[in-house]
Amino acid sequence: MYAKIRVKDTVRVPPNRLGEDIVEVIKDLLWDQFEGRLDRDYGMLIGIEEINDIGEGRIIEGDGAVYFDVEFTAIVFKPLLHEVVEGQVVEVVDFGAFVSIGPFDALLHMSQITDDYMVYDEKNKRLVGKETGKSLAEGDLVRARIVALSLKERDPERSKIGLTMRQPWLGNLKWIEEDIKKLQEGGK
């Protein structure tokens, strides 16, 4: 889930940057400090929207830098267990598919795609349902539920997110549109 949050932190401005516009310097330093950082409490920082407040600078003996207490507004992405997300299939492999959700890729194991038995079509790089013929390929847009979540603060790239589409109104968005059409036609 994307969220807008307010963060308070201290920024160290090195002496060689003190002659520049302090707001721009602090914004640059915040990006260096926070971009791509994963925090268990607020998730992955996606962007810094604005700097709300810059406190008075403090100098620490023996360090030529100036330390500023800063409050800023940031956009973060924090996946939540059982949350329904939409994403794009970025890779199909023999055991499932990887779906891009925000800054993370999540695994959609082939046993979690449909109730149908899925077979890997290596030639066309897609998964195909044995009975229904429904397929899942790279570039498809899907709606899924997060069923497993293991976020690694120290190494965000090793974080693991597991998805399922084996529930009503989840799946390839094309399949969902087809189901809606069938319901509308049946109701006439």
C-alpha atoms as a PDB file:
ATOM      1  CA  MET A   1       0.000   0.000   0.000  1.00  0.00           C
ATOM      2  CA  TYR A   2       1.225   3.473  -0.825  1.00  0.00           C
ATOM      3  CA  ALA A   3       1.065   6.077   1.921  1.00  0.00           C
ATOM      4  CA  LYS A   4       2.125   9.627   2.590  1.00  0.00           C
ATOM      5  CA  ILE A   5       3.944   9.986   5.898  1.00  0.00           C
ATOM      6  CA  ARG A   6       5.781  12.647   7.892  1.00  0.00           C
ATOM      7  CA  VAL A   7       9.294  11.775   8.972  1.00  0.00           C
ATOM      8  CA  LYS A   8      11.595  13.545  11.451  1.00  0.00           C
ATOM      9  CA  ASP A   9      15.317  12.984  11.195  1.00  0.00           C
ATOM     10  CA  THR A  10      18.665  14.728  11.509  1.00  0.00           C
ATOM     11  CA  VAL A  11      20.654  15.615   8.400  1.00  0.00           C
ATOM     12  CA  ARG A  12      24.409  16.221   8.438  1.00  0.00           C
ATOM     13  CA  VAL A  13      25.400  18.971   5.972  1.00  0.00           C
ATOM     14  CA  PRO A  14      29.134  18.733   5.203  1.00  0.00           C
ATOM     15  CA  PRO A  15      31.214  21.933   5.257  1.00  0.00           C
ATOM     16  CA  ASN A  16      31.776  21.958   1.484  1.00  0.00           C
ATOM     17  CA  ARG A  17      27.986  22.270   0.879  1.00  0.00           C
ATOM     18  CA  LEU A  18      27.256  25.079   3.386  1.00  0.00           C
ATOM     19  CA  GLY A  19      27.466  27.865   0.768  1.00  0.00           C
ATOM     20  CA  GLU A  20      24.677  26.310  -1.358  1.00  0.00           C
ATOM     21  CA  ASP A  21      20.885  26.690  -1.022  1.00  0.00           C
ATOM     22  CA  ILE A  22      20.299  24.816   2.246  1.00  0.00           C
ATOM     23  CA  VAL A  23      16.842  23.487   1.252  1.00  0.00           C
ATOM     24  CA  GLU A  24      18.219  21.906  -1.950  1.00  0.00           C
ATOM     25  CA  VAL A  25      21.252  20.522  -0.119  1.00  0.00           C
ATOM     26  CA  ILE A  26      19.070  18.935   2.559  1.00  0.00           C
ATOM     27  CA  LYS A  27      16.741  17.489  -0.095  1.00  0.00           C
ATOM     28  CA  ASP A  28      19.743  15.930  -1.902  1.00  0.00           C
ATOM     29  CA  LEU A  29      21.145  14.535   1.325  1.00  0.00           C
ATOM     30  CA  LEU A  30      17.741  13.109   2.337  1.00  0.00           C
ATOM     31  CA  TRP A  31      17.555  11.295  -1.018  1.00  0.00           C
ATOM     32  CA  ASP A  32      21.037   9.869  -0.475  1.00  0.00           C
ATOM     33  CA  GLN A  33      20.134   8.777   3.051  1.00  0.00           C
ATOM     34  CA  PHE A  34      16.633   7.360   2.459  1.00  0.00           C
ATOM     35  CA  GLU A  35      16.136   6.391  -1.196  1.00  0.00           C
ATOM     36  CA  GLY A  36      15.450   2.668  -1.507  1.00  0.00           C
ATOM     37  CA  ARG A  37      15.728   2.181   2.252  1.00  0.00           C
ATOM     38  CA  LEU A  38      13.375  -0.334   3.802  1.00  0.00           C
ATOM     39  CA  ASP A  39      12.105   0.256   7.312  1.00  0.00           C
ATOM     40  CA  ARG A  40       9.901  -2.218   9.168  1.00  0.00           C
ATOM     41  CA  ASP A  41       7.645   0.574  10.457  1.00  0.00           C
ATOM     42  CA  TYR A  42       6.997   2.625   7.338  1.00  0.00           C
ATOM     43  CA  GLY A  43       8.109   0.436   4.408  1.00  0.00           C
ATOM     44  CA  MET A  44      10.162   1.386   1.336  1.00  0.00           C
ATOM     45  CA  LEU A  45      10.709   5.102   0.734  1.00  0.00           C
ATOM     46  CA  ILE A  46       9.661   5.927  -2.833  1.00  0.00           C
ATOM     47  CA  GLY A  47       9.970   9.703  -2.877  1.00  0.00           C
ATOM     48  CA  ILE A  48      10.364  12.846  -0.836  1.00  0.00           C
ATOM     49  CA  GLU A  49       7.430  15.117  -1.522  1.00  0.00           C
ATOM     50  CA  GLU A  50       8.409  18.207   0.431  1.00  0.00           C
ATOM     51  CA  ILE A  51      10.471  19.486   3.299  1.00  0.00           C
ATOM     52  CA  ASN A  52       8.102  20.812   5.956  1.00  0.00           C
ATOM     53  CA  ASP A  53      10.516  22.197   8.531  1.00  0.00           C
ATOM     54  CA  ILE A  54      14.241  22.723   8.963  1.00  0.00           C
ATOM     55  CA  GLY A  55      15.356  23.400  12.509  1.00  0.00           C
ATOM     56  CA  GLU A  56      18.334  25.466  13.591  1.00  0.00           C
ATOM     57  CA  GLY A  57      21.692  23.955  12.749  1.00  0.00           C
ATOM     58  CA  ARG A  58      23.954  22.500  15.424  1.00  0.00           C
ATOM     59  CA  ILE A  59      27.715  22.187  15.280  1.00  0.00           C
ATOM     60  CA  ILE A  60      29.436  19.359  17.086  1.00  0.00           C
ATOM     61  CA  GLU A  61      32.958  19.967  18.360  1.00  0.00           C
ATOM     62  CA  GLY A  62      35.559  18.393  16.119  1.00  0.00           C
ATOM     63  CA  ASP A  63      33.200  18.139  13.122  1.00  0.00           C
ATOM     64  CA  GLY A  64      32.955  20.984  10.610  1.00  0.00           C
ATOM     65  CA  ALA A  65      29.499  19.873   9.474  1.00  0.00           C
ATOM     66  CA  VAL A  66      26.194  21.384  10.586  1.00  0.00           C
ATOM     67  CA  TYR A  67      23.394  19.091  11.829  1.00  0.00           C
ATOM     68  CA  PHE A  68      19.790  20.073  11.076  1.00  0.00           C
ATOM     69  CA  ASP A  69      16.629  18.506  12.507  1.00  0.00           C
ATOM     70  CA  VAL A  70      14.354  18.107   9.504  1.00  0.00           C
ATOM     71  CA  GLU A  71      10.698  17.166   9.120  1.00  0.00           C
ATOM     72  CA  PHE A  72       9.632  16.073   5.645  1.00  0.00           C
ATOM     73  CA  THR A  73       6.752  14.407   3.825  1.00  0.00           C
ATOM     74  CA  ALA A  74       7.553  11.177   1.994  1.00  0.00           C
ATOM     75  CA  ILE A  75       5.731   8.646  -0.161  1.00  0.00           C
ATOM     76  CA  VAL A  76       6.285   5.055   0.963  1.00  0.00           C
ATOM     77  CA  PHE A  77       5.206   1.609  -0.170  1.00  0.00           C
ATOM     78  CA  LYS A  78       4.459  -0.915   2.554  1.00  0.00           C
ATOM     79  CA  PRO A  79       2.889  -4.205   1.517  1.00  0.00           C
ATOM     80  CA  LEU A  80       0.495  -5.648   4.084  1.00  0.00           C
ATOM     81  CA  LEU A  81      -0.409  -9.281   4.678  1.00  0.00           C
ATOM     82  CA  HIS A  82      -3.821 -10.136   3.098  1.00  0.00           C
ATOM     83  CA  GLU A  83      -3.841  -6.910   1.077  1.00  0.00           C
ATOM     84  CA  VAL A  84      -5.222  -7.139  -2.474  1.00  0.00           C
ATOM     85  CA  VAL A  85      -2.759  -5.676  -4.971  1.00  0.00           C
ATOM     86  CA  GLU A  86      -2.584  -5.224  -8.719  1.00  0.00           C
ATOM     87  CA  GLY A  87       0.617  -5.661 -10.670  1.00  0.00           C
ATOM     88  CA  GLN A  88       2.184  -6.739 -13.911  1.00  0.00           C
ATOM     89  CA  VAL A  89       3.704 -10.135 -14.644  1.00  0.00           C
ATOM     90  CA  VAL A  90       7.395  -9.444 -15.305  1.00  0.00           C
ATOM     91  CA  GLU A  91       8.672 -13.006 -15.643  1.00  0.00           C
ATOM     92  CA  VAL A  92       7.178 -16.463 -16.123  1.00  0.00           C
ATOM     93  CA  VAL A  93       9.193 -19.487 -14.996  1.00  0.00           C
ATOM     94  CA  ASP A  94       8.486 -23.209 -14.699  1.00  0.00           C
ATOM     95  CA  PHE A  95       7.289 -22.885 -11.076  1.00  0.00           C
ATOM     96  CA  GLY A  96       5.192 -19.713 -11.365  1.00  0.00           C
ATOM     97  CA  ALA A  97       5.368 -16.037 -12.202  1.00  0.00           C
ATOM     98  CA  PHE A  98       6.943 -12.939 -10.742  1.00  0.00           C
ATOM     99  CA  VAL A  99       4.625  -9.953 -10.411  1.00  0.00           C
ATOM    100  CA  SER A 100       5.837  -6.374 -10.020  1.00  0.00           C
ATOM    101  CA  ILE A 101       3.988  -4.636  -7.180  1.00  0.00           C
ATOM    102  CA  GLY A 102       5.419  -1.232  -6.377  1.00  0.00           C
ATOM    103  CA  PRO A 103       9.192  -1.470  -5.856  1.00  0.00           C
ATOM    104  CA  PHE A 104       9.038  -5.238  -5.154  1.00  0.00           C
ATOM    105  CA  ASP A 105       8.627  -8.363  -7.266  1.00  0.00           C
ATOM    106  CA  ALA A 106       6.345 -10.935  -5.660  1.00  0.00           C
ATOM    107  CA  LEU A 107       6.133 -14.658  -6.398  1.00  0.00           C
ATOM    108  CA  LEU A 108       2.902 -16.139  -7.691  1.00  0.00           C
ATOM    109  CA  HIS A 109       3.499 -19.894  -7.412  1.00  0.00           C
ATOM    110  CA  MET A 110       1.777 -21.941 -10.122  1.00  0.00           C
ATOM    111  CA  SER A 111      -0.305 -23.730  -7.449  1.00  0.00           C
ATOM    112  CA  GLN A 112      -1.726 -20.321  -6.422  1.00  0.00           C
ATOM    113  CA  ILE A 113      -2.854 -19.124  -9.868  1.00  0.00           C
ATOM    114  CA  THR A 114      -6.149 -21.018 -10.322  1.00  0.00           C
ATOM    115  CA  ASP A 115      -7.884 -24.193  -9.183  1.00  0.00           C
ATOM    116  CA  ASP A 116      -6.952 -25.630 -12.597  1.00  0.00           C
ATOM    117  CA  TYR A 117      -3.657 -27.494 -13.005  1.00  0.00           C
ATOM    118  CA  MET A 118      -1.196 -25.091 -14.662  1.00  0.00           C
ATOM    119  CA  VAL A 119       1.408 -26.269 -17.175  1.00  0.00           C
ATOM    120  CA  TYR A 120       4.515 -24.318 -18.175  1.00  0.00           C
ATOM    121  CA  ASP A 121       4.683 -23.612 -21.920  1.00  0.00           C
ATOM    122  CA  GLU A 122       8.430 -23.051 -22.301  1.00  0.00           C
ATOM    123  CA  LYS A 123       8.254 -22.108 -25.995  1.00  0.00           C
ATOM    124  CA  ASN A 124       5.787 -19.250 -25.397  1.00  0.00           C
ATOM    125  CA  LYS A 125       6.988 -18.438 -21.836  1.00  0.00           C
ATOM    126  CA  ARG A 126       3.533 -18.732 -20.280  1.00  0.00           C
ATOM    127  CA  LEU A 127       1.534 -20.837 -17.859  1.00  0.00           C
ATOM    128  CA  VAL A 128      -1.595 -22.517 -19.266  1.00  0.00           C
ATOM    129  CA  GLY A 129      -4.519 -24.138 -17.445  1.00  0.00           C
ATOM    130  CA  LYS A 130      -4.896 -27.787 -18.481  1.00  0.00           C
ATOM    131  CA  GLU A 131      -8.720 -27.785 -18.438  1.00  0.00           C
ATOM    132  CA  THR A 132      -9.694 -24.099 -18.805  1.00  0.00           C
ATOM    133  CA  GLY A 133      -7.005 -23.018 -21.268  1.00  0.00           C
ATOM    134  CA  LYS A 134      -6.536 -19.793 -19.298  1.00  0.00           C
ATOM    135  CA  SER A 135      -3.004 -18.490 -19.703  1.00  0.00           C
ATOM    136  CA  LEU A 136      -0.695 -16.183 -17.819  1.00  0.00           C
ATOM    137  CA  ALA A 137       2.160 -14.517 -19.701  1.00  0.00           C
ATOM    138  CA  GLU A 138       4.692 -11.740 -19.284  1.00  0.00           C
ATOM    139  CA  GLY A 139       3.005  -8.323 -19.445  1.00  0.00           C
ATOM    140  CA  ASP A 140      -0.372  -9.531 -18.131  1.00  0.00           C
ATOM    141  CA  LEU A 141      -2.002  -7.384 -15.458  1.00  0.00           C
ATOM    142  CA  VAL A 142      -3.194  -9.328 -12.426  1.00  0.00           C
ATOM    143  CA  ARG A 143      -5.042  -8.820  -9.160  1.00  0.00           C
ATOM    144  CA  ALA A 144      -3.772 -10.944  -6.261  1.00  0.00           C
ATOM    145  CA  ARG A 145      -3.739 -11.185  -2.481  1.00  0.00           C
ATOM    146  CA  ILE A 146      -0.538 -11.109  -0.421  1.00  0.00           C
ATOM    147  CA  VAL A 147      -0.376 -14.363   1.560  1.00  0.00           C
ATOM    148  CA  ALA A 148       3.282 -14.419   2.636  1.00  0.00           C
ATOM    149  CA  LEU A 149       5.453 -11.496   3.619  1.00  0.00           C
ATOM    150  CA  SER A 150       9.075 -11.415   4.728  1.00  0.00           C
ATOM    151  CA  LEU A 151      10.682  -7.969   4.467  1.00  0.00           C
ATOM    152  CA  LYS A 152      14.435  -7.720   5.065  1.00  0.00           C
ATOM    153  CA  GLU A 153      15.465  -4.264   6.294  1.00  0.00           C
ATOM    154  CA  ARG A 154      19.196  -4.871   5.911  1.00  0.00           C
ATOM    155  CA  ASP A 155      18.908  -6.397   2.427  1.00  0.00           C
ATOM    156  CA  PRO A 156      15.631  -5.290   0.774  1.00  0.00           C
ATOM    157  CA  GLU A 157      16.392  -7.238  -2.409  1.00  0.00           C
ATOM    158  CA  ARG A 158      16.160 -10.486  -0.412  1.00  0.00           C
ATOM    159  CA  SER A 159      12.632  -9.646   0.769  1.00  0.00           C
ATOM    160  CA  LYS A 160      10.039 -12.242  -0.177  1.00  0.00           C
ATOM    161  CA  ILE A 161       6.369 -11.688  -0.978  1.00  0.00           C
ATOM    162  CA  GLY A 162       4.009 -14.543  -1.863  1.00  0.00           C
ATOM    163  CA  LEU A 163       0.747 -14.050  -3.756  1.00  0.00           C
ATOM    164  CA  THR A 164      -2.416 -16.026  -4.464  1.00  0.00           C
ATOM    165  CA  MET A 165      -5.122 -15.606  -7.097  1.00  0.00           C
ATOM    166  CA  ARG A 166      -7.190 -18.614  -5.948  1.00  0.00           C
ATOM    167  CA  GLN A 167     -10.050 -16.540  -4.568  1.00  0.00           C
ATOM    168  CA  PRO A 168     -13.113 -14.945  -6.184  1.00  0.00           C
ATOM    169  CA  TRP A 169     -12.433 -11.818  -8.261  1.00  0.00           C
ATOM    170  CA  LEU A 170      -8.686 -12.339  -8.247  1.00  0.00           C
ATOM    171  CA  GLY A 171      -6.643 -13.341 -11.294  1.00  0.00           C
ATOM    172  CA  ASN A 172      -5.609 -12.060 -14.672  1.00  0.00           C
ATOM    173  CA  LEU A 173      -7.614  -8.856 -15.260  1.00  0.00           C
ATOM    174  CA  LYS A 174      -8.712 -10.289 -18.648  1.00  0.00           C
ATOM    175  CA  TRP A 175     -10.255 -13.282 -16.850  1.00  0.00           C
ATOM    176  CA  ILE A 176     -12.075 -11.001 -14.429  1.00  0.00           C
ATOM    177  CA  GLU A 177     -13.496  -8.923 -17.323  1.00  0.00           C
ATOM    178  CA  GLU A 178     -14.717 -12.124 -19.009  1.00  0.00           C
ATOM    179  CA  ASP A 179     -16.410 -13.245 -15.767  1.00  0.00           C
ATOM    180  CA  ILE A 180     -18.134  -9.863 -15.427  1.00  0.00           C
ATOM    181  CA  LYS A 181     -19.413 -10.067 -19.036  1.00  0.00           C
ATOM    182  CA  LYS A 182     -20.774 -13.585 -18.404  1.00  0.00           C
ATOM    183  CA  LEU A 183     -22.602 -12.347 -15.296  1.00  0.00           C
ATOM    184  CA  GLN A 184     -24.066  -9.373 -17.163  1.00  0.00           C
ATOM    185  CA  GLU A 185     -25.207 -11.535 -20.070  1.00  0.00           C
ATOM    186  CA  GLY A 186     -26.744 -14.073 -17.711  1.00  0.00           C
ATOM    187  CA  GLY A 187     -28.692 -11.342 -15.906  1.00  0.00           C
ATOM    188  CA  LYS A 188     -30.424 -10.023 -19.067  1.00  0.00           C
END
